[in-house]
Protein backbone atom coordinates (compact mmCIF):
# COMPACT_ATOMS: atom_id res chain seq x y z
CA UNK A 1 -42.32 4.16 65.10
CA UNK A 2 -41.91 1.03 62.97
CA UNK A 3 -38.43 2.16 61.90
CA UNK A 4 -37.09 3.26 65.28
CA UNK A 5 -39.14 1.67 68.08
CA UNK A 6 -40.80 -1.34 66.46
CA UNK A 7 -40.95 -3.54 69.56
CA UNK A 8 -42.12 -0.69 71.81
CA UNK A 9 -44.76 0.14 69.21
CA UNK A 10 -46.08 -3.41 69.50
CA UNK A 11 -46.17 -3.23 73.30
CA UNK A 12 -48.04 0.08 73.15
CA UNK A 13 -50.61 -1.18 70.63
CA UNK A 14 -51.26 -4.29 72.69
CA UNK A 15 -52.11 -2.08 75.67
CA UNK A 16 -54.23 0.11 73.40
CA UNK A 17 -56.12 -2.95 72.19
CA UNK A 18 -56.94 -4.03 75.75
CA UNK A 19 -58.39 -0.64 76.74
CA UNK A 20 -60.12 -0.22 73.38
CA UNK A 21 -61.89 -3.55 73.88
CA UNK A 22 -63.46 -2.21 77.10
CA UNK A 23 -64.23 1.08 75.33
CA UNK A 24 -66.71 -0.91 73.23
CA UNK A 25 -69.38 0.29 75.67
CA UNK A 26 -68.61 3.98 75.06
CA UNK A 27 -71.31 4.61 72.45
CA UNK A 28 -73.93 1.84 72.21
CA UNK A 29 -75.87 3.78 69.58
CA UNK A 30 -76.44 7.06 71.44
CA UNK A 31 -74.15 8.84 68.97
CA UNK A 32 -76.32 7.82 66.01
CA UNK A 33 -79.43 8.82 67.99
CA UNK A 34 -77.90 12.24 68.63
CA UNK A 35 -77.06 12.83 64.97
CA UNK A 36 -80.52 11.73 63.85
CA UNK A 37 -82.59 13.77 66.33
CA UNK A 38 -80.42 16.86 66.06
CA UNK A 39 -80.63 16.80 62.24
CA UNK A 40 -84.42 16.48 62.49
CA UNK A 41 -84.63 19.87 64.20
CA UNK A 42 -85.11 18.95 67.86
CA UNK A 43 -83.95 21.39 70.52
CA UNK A 44 -80.17 21.66 70.21
CA UNK A 45 -79.45 22.33 73.88
CA UNK A 46 -81.61 19.43 75.08
CA UNK A 47 -80.06 17.10 72.50
CA UNK A 48 -76.50 17.97 73.50
CA UNK A 49 -77.22 17.77 77.23
CA UNK A 50 -78.89 14.39 76.83
CA UNK A 51 -76.06 13.07 74.70
CA UNK A 52 -73.34 14.29 77.04
CA UNK A 53 -75.03 12.79 80.10
CA UNK A 54 -75.42 9.39 78.45
CA UNK A 55 -71.82 9.49 77.21
CA UNK A 56 -70.49 10.22 80.69
CA UNK A 57 -72.50 7.33 82.12
CA UNK A 58 -71.04 4.96 79.54
CA UNK A 59 -67.54 6.29 80.21
CA UNK A 60 -68.04 5.43 83.86
CA UNK A 61 -68.91 1.85 82.94
CA UNK A 62 -65.88 1.59 80.67
CA UNK A 63 -63.57 2.95 83.37
CA UNK A 64 -64.91 0.53 85.98
CA UNK A 65 -64.41 -2.47 83.66
CA UNK A 66 -60.87 -1.38 82.77
CA UNK A 67 -59.81 -0.76 86.37
CA UNK A 68 -61.28 -4.11 87.45
CA UNK A 69 -59.36 -5.99 84.76
CA UNK A 70 -56.21 -4.10 85.65
CA UNK A 71 -56.48 -5.12 89.30
CA UNK A 72 -57.13 -8.76 88.38
CA UNK A 73 -54.26 -8.83 85.89
CA UNK A 74 -51.81 -7.21 88.32
CA UNK A 75 -52.65 -9.57 91.17
CA UNK A 76 -52.45 -12.65 88.96
CA UNK A 77 -49.11 -11.56 87.50
CA UNK A 78 -50.51 -11.44 83.97
CA UNK A 79 -49.62 -7.76 83.57
CA UNK A 80 -46.26 -6.20 84.31
CA UNK A 81 -45.78 -2.62 85.51
CA UNK A 82 -45.17 -1.27 82.00
CA UNK A 83 -48.37 -2.76 80.57
CA UNK A 84 -50.38 -1.56 83.57
CA UNK A 85 -49.09 1.99 83.16
CA UNK A 86 -49.89 1.97 79.44
CA UNK A 87 -53.43 0.83 80.20
CA UNK A 88 -53.91 3.71 82.66
CA UNK A 89 -52.62 6.22 80.09
CA UNK A 90 -54.96 4.92 77.40
CA UNK A 91 -57.87 4.87 79.85
CA UNK A 92 -57.41 8.62 80.27
CA UNK A 93 -57.20 8.99 76.49
CA UNK A 94 -60.51 7.20 75.91
CA UNK A 95 -62.23 9.28 78.58
CA UNK A 96 -61.10 12.45 76.80
CA UNK A 97 -62.01 10.98 73.42
CA UNK A 98 -65.56 10.17 74.52
CA UNK A 99 -66.29 13.76 75.53
CA UNK A 100 -64.70 15.00 72.31
CA UNK A 101 -66.88 12.62 70.27
CA UNK A 102 -70.00 13.99 71.94
CA UNK A 103 -69.08 17.43 70.61
CA UNK A 104 -68.05 16.16 67.17
CA UNK A 105 -71.32 14.30 66.72
CA UNK A 106 -73.14 17.53 67.53
CA UNK A 107 -71.40 19.21 64.61
CA UNK A 108 -72.19 16.22 62.39
CA UNK A 109 -75.88 16.50 63.26
CA UNK A 110 -75.74 20.18 62.28
CA UNK A 111 -74.07 19.27 58.94
CA UNK A 112 -70.94 21.15 60.01
CA UNK A 113 -68.38 18.54 59.06
CA UNK A 114 -65.68 21.16 58.52
CA UNK A 115 -65.51 21.62 62.28
CA UNK A 116 -65.23 17.84 62.70
CA UNK A 117 -62.27 17.85 60.32
CA UNK A 118 -60.56 20.65 62.27
CA UNK A 119 -60.94 18.77 65.56
CA UNK A 120 -59.65 15.53 64.06
CA UNK A 121 -56.75 17.28 62.37
CA UNK A 122 -55.71 18.99 65.60
CA UNK A 123 -55.50 15.68 67.45
CA UNK A 124 -53.62 13.84 64.72
CA UNK A 125 -51.20 16.70 64.12
CA UNK A 126 -50.18 16.98 67.76
CA UNK A 127 -50.06 13.21 68.21
CA UNK A 128 -48.01 12.64 65.05
CA UNK A 129 -45.44 15.31 65.86
CA UNK A 130 -44.97 13.91 69.37
CA UNK A 131 -44.76 10.31 68.14
CA UNK A 132 -42.10 11.22 65.58
CA UNK A 133 -40.05 13.06 68.20
CA UNK A 134 -40.40 10.23 70.72
CA UNK A 135 -39.58 7.57 68.14
CA UNK A 136 -36.44 9.38 66.98
CA UNK A 137 -35.38 9.62 70.62
CA UNK A 138 -35.96 5.88 71.15
CA UNK A 139 -38.75 6.46 73.68
CA UNK A 140 -40.40 3.76 75.75
CA UNK A 141 -43.87 2.38 75.09
CA UNK A 142 -45.23 4.45 77.98
CA UNK A 143 -43.92 7.69 76.51
CA UNK A 144 -45.34 6.78 73.11
CA UNK A 145 -48.73 6.20 74.74
CA UNK A 146 -48.65 9.65 76.32
CA UNK A 147 -48.58 11.20 72.84
CA UNK A 148 -52.12 9.91 72.24
CA UNK A 149 -53.41 11.42 75.47
CA UNK A 150 -51.78 14.80 74.85
CA UNK A 151 -53.22 14.89 71.32
CA UNK A 152 -56.65 14.03 72.68
CA UNK A 153 -56.51 16.79 75.31
CA UNK A 154 -55.51 19.40 72.70
CA UNK A 155 -58.31 18.36 70.32
CA UNK A 156 -60.82 18.41 73.20
CA UNK A 157 -59.82 22.00 73.92
CA UNK A 158 -60.30 22.87 70.23
CA UNK A 159 -63.70 21.17 70.16
CA UNK A 160 -64.86 23.11 73.24
CA UNK A 161 -63.80 26.40 71.61
CA UNK A 162 -65.73 25.52 68.46
CA UNK A 163 -68.74 24.47 70.53
CA UNK A 164 -68.86 27.89 72.15
CA UNK A 165 -69.23 29.42 68.69
CA UNK A 166 -72.64 27.81 68.21
CA UNK A 167 -73.75 28.84 71.72
CA UNK A 168 -74.80 25.45 73.02
CA UNK A 169 -75.96 25.52 76.66
CA UNK A 170 -76.34 22.70 79.15
CA UNK A 171 -79.98 22.29 80.09
CA UNK A 172 -82.19 19.54 81.50
CA UNK A 173 -81.55 16.36 79.43
CA UNK A 174 -85.14 16.00 78.24
CA UNK A 175 -84.64 13.36 75.55
CA UNK A 176 -83.17 10.49 77.55
CA UNK A 177 -86.05 8.09 76.84
CA UNK A 178 -86.11 9.04 73.15
CA UNK A 179 -82.36 8.46 72.78
CA UNK A 180 -82.45 5.17 74.65
CA UNK A 181 -85.43 3.95 72.62
CA UNK A 182 -83.49 4.58 69.41
CA UNK A 183 -80.18 3.22 70.72
CA UNK A 184 -81.48 0.08 72.41
CA UNK A 185 -81.71 -2.08 69.25
CA UNK A 186 -78.21 -0.95 68.25
CA UNK A 187 -76.43 -1.33 71.58
CA UNK A 188 -75.33 -4.97 71.33
CA UNK A 189 -74.26 -4.71 67.69
CA UNK A 190 -72.27 -1.49 68.12
CA UNK A 191 -70.54 -2.82 71.22
CA UNK A 192 -69.74 -6.06 69.44
CA UNK A 193 -68.26 -4.26 66.42
CA UNK A 194 -66.09 -2.07 68.63
CA UNK A 195 -64.97 -5.07 70.68
CA UNK A 196 -64.06 -7.20 67.65
CA UNK A 197 -62.17 -4.31 66.03
CA UNK A 198 -59.97 -4.13 69.14
CA UNK A 199 -59.82 -7.77 70.15
CA UNK A 200 -57.85 -8.65 67.02
CA UNK A 201 -54.73 -7.03 68.49
CA UNK A 202 -55.34 -8.60 71.87
CA UNK A 203 -55.55 -12.16 70.52
CA UNK A 204 -52.61 -11.67 68.15
CA UNK A 205 -50.45 -10.45 71.04
CA UNK A 206 -51.63 -13.20 73.37
CA UNK A 207 -50.62 -16.01 70.99
CA UNK A 208 -47.81 -14.52 68.87
CA UNK A 209 -46.16 -11.77 70.90
CA UNK A 210 -45.90 -7.99 70.70
CA UNK A 211 -43.78 -7.89 67.52
CA UNK A 212 -46.58 -9.63 65.64
CA UNK A 213 -48.91 -7.00 67.10
CA UNK A 214 -46.60 -4.34 65.67
CA UNK A 215 -46.78 -5.92 62.19
CA UNK A 216 -50.56 -6.14 62.43
CA UNK A 217 -51.16 -2.72 64.00
CA UNK A 218 -49.10 -1.01 61.31
CA UNK A 219 -51.35 -2.23 58.50
CA UNK A 220 -54.46 -1.69 60.62
CA UNK A 221 -53.51 1.97 60.72
CA UNK A 222 -53.55 2.07 56.92
CA UNK A 223 -56.82 0.16 56.59
CA UNK A 224 -58.76 2.10 59.20
CA UNK A 225 -57.28 5.34 57.92
CA UNK A 226 -58.93 4.73 54.55
CA UNK A 227 -62.05 3.54 56.33
CA UNK A 228 -62.33 6.95 57.96
CA UNK A 229 -63.11 8.31 54.49
CA UNK A 230 -66.20 6.12 54.37
CA UNK A 231 -67.04 7.07 57.97
CA UNK A 232 -67.06 10.73 56.93
CA UNK A 233 -69.24 9.97 53.92
CA UNK A 234 -71.68 7.90 55.95
CA UNK A 235 -71.89 10.55 58.69
CA UNK A 236 -72.91 13.06 56.03
CA UNK A 237 -75.46 10.63 54.59
CA UNK A 238 -77.55 10.11 57.75
CA UNK A 239 -78.86 13.69 58.10
CA UNK A 240 -79.80 13.69 54.39
CA UNK A 241 -81.52 10.30 54.49
CA UNK A 242 -83.48 11.28 57.59
CA UNK A 243 -85.33 13.87 55.48
CA UNK A 244 -86.79 11.35 53.01
CA UNK A 245 -89.98 9.33 53.16
CA UNK A 246 -88.77 5.98 51.88
CA UNK A 247 -92.24 4.98 50.64
CA UNK A 248 -93.00 8.19 48.75
CA UNK A 249 -89.48 9.19 47.66
CA UNK A 250 -88.22 5.90 46.28
CA UNK A 251 -86.61 7.33 43.14
CA UNK A 252 -84.63 10.11 44.92
CA UNK A 253 -83.45 7.69 47.61
CA UNK A 254 -82.44 5.09 45.02
CA UNK A 255 -80.53 7.67 42.97
CA UNK A 256 -78.78 9.03 46.07
CA UNK A 257 -77.70 5.56 47.16
CA UNK A 258 -76.55 4.51 43.71
CA UNK A 259 -74.58 7.70 43.21
CA UNK A 260 -72.94 7.28 46.62
CA UNK A 261 -72.09 3.63 45.93
CA UNK A 262 -70.64 4.51 42.52
CA UNK A 263 -68.21 7.08 43.89
CA UNK A 264 -67.45 4.89 46.88
CA UNK A 265 -66.29 2.15 44.50
CA UNK A 266 -64.27 4.65 42.47
CA UNK A 267 -62.53 5.81 45.62
CA UNK A 268 -61.81 2.45 47.21
CA UNK A 269 -61.32 -0.23 44.54
CA UNK A 270 -58.00 1.15 43.15
CA UNK A 271 -56.69 1.25 46.72
CA UNK A 272 -57.74 -2.35 47.31
CA UNK A 273 -56.05 -3.38 44.05
CA UNK A 274 -52.80 -1.90 45.37
CA UNK A 275 -53.15 -3.71 48.69
CA UNK A 276 -53.66 -7.07 46.99
CA UNK A 277 -50.99 -6.79 44.32
CA UNK A 278 -48.14 -4.93 46.03
CA UNK A 279 -48.86 -5.21 49.78
CA UNK A 280 -45.30 -6.27 50.80
CA UNK A 281 -43.78 -3.46 48.73
CA UNK A 282 -46.11 -0.90 50.31
CA UNK A 283 -45.21 -2.05 53.82
CA UNK A 284 -41.50 -2.16 53.04
CA UNK A 285 -41.54 1.40 51.72
CA UNK A 286 -43.74 2.82 54.47
CA UNK A 287 -42.52 0.94 57.53
CA UNK A 288 -39.01 -0.23 56.62
CA UNK A 289 -37.67 -3.52 55.31
CA UNK A 290 -38.18 -5.30 58.64
CA UNK A 291 -41.95 -4.78 58.29
CA UNK A 292 -42.26 -6.56 54.96
CA UNK A 293 -44.16 -9.40 56.76
CA UNK A 294 -47.00 -6.89 57.21
CA UNK A 295 -47.64 -7.10 53.46
CA UNK A 296 -49.58 -10.36 53.63
CA UNK A 297 -51.66 -8.94 56.48
CA UNK A 298 -52.42 -5.85 54.40
CA UNK A 299 -53.61 -8.03 51.52
CA UNK A 300 -55.74 -10.07 53.91
CA UNK A 301 -57.31 -6.91 55.33
CA UNK A 302 -58.09 -5.36 51.93
CA UNK A 303 -61.67 -6.59 51.99
CA UNK A 304 -62.36 -4.57 55.13
CA UNK A 305 -61.78 -1.29 53.28
CA UNK A 306 -64.49 -1.98 50.71
CA UNK A 307 -67.05 -3.88 52.75
CA UNK A 308 -66.75 -1.72 55.88
CA UNK A 309 -67.70 1.29 53.76
CA UNK A 310 -70.59 -0.54 52.11
CA UNK A 311 -71.92 -1.80 55.44
CA UNK A 312 -71.70 1.72 56.84
CA UNK A 313 -73.73 3.10 53.96
CA UNK A 314 -76.42 0.46 54.42
CA UNK A 315 -76.45 1.13 58.15
CA UNK A 316 -77.39 4.78 57.54
CA UNK A 317 -80.41 3.63 55.53
CA UNK A 318 -81.50 1.32 58.33
CA UNK A 319 -80.91 3.98 61.00
CA UNK A 320 -82.87 6.63 59.12
CA UNK A 321 -85.88 4.31 58.76
CA UNK A 322 -85.80 3.22 62.42
CA UNK A 323 -84.75 -0.30 61.37
CA UNK A 324 -81.82 -0.36 63.74
CA UNK A 325 -82.85 -3.79 65.00
CA UNK A 326 -82.27 -5.24 61.52
CA UNK A 327 -78.78 -3.77 61.36
CA UNK A 328 -78.13 -5.10 64.85
CA UNK A 329 -78.95 -8.63 63.76
CA UNK A 330 -76.61 -8.48 60.74
CA UNK A 331 -73.83 -7.14 62.94
CA UNK A 332 -74.25 -9.77 65.64
CA UNK A 333 -74.12 -12.59 63.07
CA UNK A 334 -71.07 -11.22 61.23
CA UNK A 335 -69.09 -10.26 64.33
CA UNK A 336 -69.69 -13.60 66.04
CA UNK A 337 -68.51 -15.21 62.81
CA UNK A 338 -65.38 -13.05 62.95
CA UNK A 339 -64.71 -13.97 66.57
CA UNK A 340 -64.95 -17.66 65.71
CA UNK A 341 -62.49 -17.17 62.89
CA UNK A 342 -60.08 -15.38 65.25
CA UNK A 343 -59.84 -18.46 67.43
CA UNK A 344 -59.50 -20.77 64.41
CA UNK A 345 -57.00 -18.79 62.32
CA UNK A 346 -54.79 -16.93 64.83
CA UNK A 347 -53.56 -19.44 67.51
CA UNK A 348 -51.21 -22.34 66.79
CA UNK A 349 -53.25 -24.42 69.19
CA UNK A 350 -55.96 -23.99 71.78
CA UNK A 351 -56.82 -26.49 74.54
CA UNK A 352 -54.60 -29.05 72.84
CA UNK A 353 -56.31 -28.69 69.45
CA UNK A 354 -54.03 -27.76 66.53
CA UNK A 355 -55.26 -24.65 64.70
CA UNK A 356 -54.17 -22.58 61.67
CA UNK A 357 -51.54 -20.52 63.54
CA UNK A 358 -51.61 -17.68 61.01
CA UNK A 359 -51.16 -14.90 63.58
CA UNK A 360 -51.72 -11.44 62.13
CA UNK A 361 -52.57 -12.81 58.69
CA UNK A 362 -55.32 -14.93 60.22
CA UNK A 363 -56.73 -11.93 62.10
CA UNK A 364 -56.74 -9.88 58.89
CA UNK A 365 -58.53 -12.60 56.90
CA UNK A 366 -61.07 -13.02 59.71
CA UNK A 367 -61.86 -9.30 59.68
CA UNK A 368 -62.35 -9.26 55.90
CA UNK A 369 -64.53 -12.37 56.00
CA UNK A 370 -66.72 -10.93 58.74
CA UNK A 371 -67.40 -7.69 56.89
CA UNK A 372 -68.05 -9.61 53.67
CA UNK A 373 -70.78 -11.61 55.42
CA UNK A 374 -72.29 -8.46 56.88
CA UNK A 375 -72.23 -6.64 53.52
CA UNK A 376 -74.32 -9.42 51.98
CA UNK A 377 -76.82 -9.38 54.86
CA UNK A 378 -77.12 -5.58 54.88
CA UNK A 379 -77.57 -5.53 51.10
CA UNK A 380 -80.65 -7.75 51.36
CA UNK A 381 -82.03 -5.65 54.23
CA UNK A 382 -81.60 -2.36 52.36
CA UNK A 383 -83.18 -3.81 49.23
CA UNK A 384 -86.24 -4.79 51.26
CA UNK A 385 -86.62 -1.23 52.57
CA UNK A 386 -85.75 0.88 49.51
CA UNK A 387 -87.09 -1.61 46.93
CA UNK A 388 -83.94 -1.09 44.90
CA UNK A 389 -80.99 -3.46 44.44
CA UNK A 390 -77.31 -2.54 44.86
CA UNK A 391 -75.76 -0.32 42.21
CA UNK A 392 -76.59 -2.16 38.94
CA UNK A 393 -73.35 -1.21 37.18
CA UNK A 394 -71.15 -2.63 39.90
CA UNK A 395 -69.89 -5.28 37.47
CA UNK A 396 -68.12 -2.54 35.48
CA UNK A 397 -66.17 -1.49 38.57
CA UNK A 398 -65.30 -5.12 39.31
CA UNK A 399 -64.01 -5.52 35.75
CA UNK A 400 -61.89 -2.37 36.08
CA UNK A 401 -60.61 -3.61 39.45
CA UNK A 402 -59.50 -6.94 37.94
CA UNK A 403 -57.71 -5.15 35.10
CA UNK A 404 -55.88 -2.94 37.62
CA UNK A 405 -54.82 -5.96 39.70
CA UNK A 406 -53.59 -7.77 36.57
CA UNK A 407 -51.55 -4.73 35.47
CA UNK A 408 -49.95 -4.40 38.90
CA UNK A 409 -49.23 -8.13 39.09
CA UNK A 410 -47.27 -7.90 35.83
CA UNK A 411 -45.33 -4.94 37.18
CA UNK A 412 -44.41 -6.76 40.40
CA UNK A 413 -41.97 -8.89 38.42
CA UNK A 414 -39.77 -5.78 38.35
CA UNK A 415 -40.40 -4.71 41.95
CA UNK A 416 -37.74 -4.76 44.62
CA UNK A 417 -38.85 -4.44 48.22
CA UNK A 418 -38.42 -0.83 49.27
CA UNK A 419 -38.29 0.56 45.71
CA UNK A 420 -40.25 3.78 46.15
CA UNK A 421 -40.09 4.87 42.51
CA UNK A 422 -41.58 1.65 41.21
CA UNK A 423 -44.27 1.82 43.88
CA UNK A 424 -45.26 5.31 42.68
CA UNK A 425 -45.25 4.05 39.09
CA UNK A 426 -47.45 1.16 40.20
CA UNK A 427 -49.89 3.58 41.80
CA UNK A 428 -50.28 5.61 38.62
CA UNK A 429 -50.54 2.41 36.58
CA UNK A 430 -53.30 1.16 38.89
CA UNK A 431 -55.30 4.38 38.62
CA UNK A 432 -54.77 4.58 34.86
CA UNK A 433 -55.84 0.98 34.26
CA UNK A 434 -58.88 1.30 36.52
CA UNK A 435 -60.29 4.55 35.14
CA UNK A 436 -59.38 3.74 31.54
CA UNK A 437 -61.37 0.52 31.81
CA UNK A 438 -64.30 2.38 33.36
CA UNK A 439 -64.18 4.91 30.55
CA UNK A 440 -64.21 2.16 27.91
CA UNK A 441 -67.24 0.62 29.64
CA UNK A 442 -69.04 3.98 29.72
CA UNK A 443 -68.89 4.32 33.50
CA UNK A 444 -66.52 7.30 33.74
CA UNK A 445 -67.07 10.49 31.76
CA UNK A 446 -67.15 14.28 31.85
CA UNK A 447 -69.86 14.42 34.50
CA UNK A 448 -67.74 12.32 36.87
CA UNK A 449 -64.68 14.48 36.21
CA UNK A 450 -66.75 17.57 37.06
CA UNK A 451 -67.96 15.88 40.26
CA UNK A 452 -64.42 15.20 41.52
CA UNK A 453 -63.25 18.62 40.35
CA UNK A 454 -66.02 20.36 42.30
CA UNK A 455 -65.54 18.13 45.34
CA UNK A 456 -61.85 19.02 45.51
CA UNK A 457 -62.24 22.68 44.52
CA UNK A 458 -60.39 24.85 47.04
CA UNK A 459 -62.85 27.74 46.69
CA UNK A 460 -65.82 25.45 47.32
CA UNK A 461 -64.17 23.95 50.40
CA UNK A 462 -63.32 27.43 51.69
CA UNK A 463 -66.88 28.60 51.03
CA UNK A 464 -68.30 25.62 52.89
CA UNK A 465 -66.12 26.32 55.92
CA UNK A 466 -67.00 30.02 55.76
CA UNK A 467 -70.69 29.14 55.87
CA UNK A 468 -70.13 26.97 58.94
CA UNK A 469 -68.25 29.67 60.82
CA UNK A 470 -70.48 32.50 59.63
CA UNK A 471 -72.93 32.19 62.51
CA UNK A 472 -75.66 30.08 64.06
CA UNK A 473 -78.27 28.23 62.04
C-alpha cells in the first residue's frame, strides 16, 4: 500500500483511527475476566454465554457512539462522503472483530493458543492478499477498507468452526455479576489505553494531513506487530499465574517472572536496537524511498515495543491477584500523560499557542514516554505483591543492547537508503553483537539455546496443536 496507494492508505488509516477510538469501549476488562474464570475451572458454557452477552452489549454502545459522531460530522461538513463510507465499513469490521475476540479469548482461557493462532492467521492472510491485489490495482481508500472487513468475516467463520469442536453451548449467562465485579476496576484503564492507541492517528491527521498519517501508520504496523508477540506471551501467562498462591509460592512465581522477563528482553532488545540505529533504512526498504520520513517515527516508537511488553507482563500479575484497581491507576496516570504529550508535541499550534509541531514523530515519542512511565509504576506495584524486584540481571541485557546499537551505528556510515543487503548484514551484526555480549557476561549459554530450540521445534509445535484438536478437556 505504501508503494502504490500511499495517500489512499493514509485516508483509510485516518478513518480506521476514528472508529477504533470509539471501539475503546469494546472490552472494558470482560475479556480478562473471561480468561481468568475459565482457566480456574468454572462452567465453560456459562462463562462463554456471559462473555458473549457482555461483548454484544459493549458493541451496541460502540456502534451508537460511532453513528452519532458520523451524523454530527456529516451535518457539520467535517466529514466528506469518502470518509463517512470508510467509517461505516470499519464499524462493521469492529462488530465482527468483537464477536471473534469473544471466541478467541475462550480458547486462551482453555490454554489452546494454537486455535487462536489459526484464527488470527486466517484473517491476516485473507486481508493481506486482498490489500496487495487492491494496491496493485490502484484501489480507492474505501476498497482498501473492505479488505479488513472481508478478512474479519472469514476469520469469524473459522473461529465458529473451531468453537463447535469443543462443543460450547449457549446457556443462561450466570456469571454476569462475577465478570462485572472483576472488570469494573479495569474498565476505565482499558478503555483509556485503547482510546490513546487509536487517537494518535486521529490527532496526527487532524493537524498534519493524511500523508503524515500514512507515514505514522506504516511504522505503527511494525511496532504493534512485534507487540503482538508480547500479547501472546502475556495471554499464556495469566492462566498459569492464576494457579499460584502469591504468599505461599513466592519462589516459583519469582522464577517464572524472571525467566519470562529474561526471554522477553532477548526477543525484543535486538529489535529495538535496529529501530534506533537504522530506522530510516528499514522504512526505505520496507515501504519505498518516499517513506523514509517514517524512520524517525519508528525510532521514536521503539520504546513502546519493550515497555508495552513489560507492562503487559506486570498486568497479568495484578490481574491474577485481583489487584486490577492498582493496574487501572497506573494506566490512567500514564495514558493521561500520553494524551497531554500528544497535544504538546503533535500540533504546530493550538488556540494561538505555539507548540512543538513534530507531527508523527511527536506522537511516537509521546507513546514511548507514556509506556515508560507506566512500566516504572507497574514495576513498583508488582514488587509489592510478589516481594521480588525486576529481573536482577537486566543490566547485562542493557549492556548487550548498547553494544548492538554501537555496532549498527558504525555500520550506518556505509548504508544507503534502500540498500537491502546492508540492512540484512546489519540485522545479523545486531544479533551477533547482542548475543555475543550476553555470552561474555554469562547470560546466554547452552540452556538458553536448548530453550529456543525446543520452543521452535516443529515436532513440539505439531504435538501441541495435535493435543488441542484431539478432543475436549
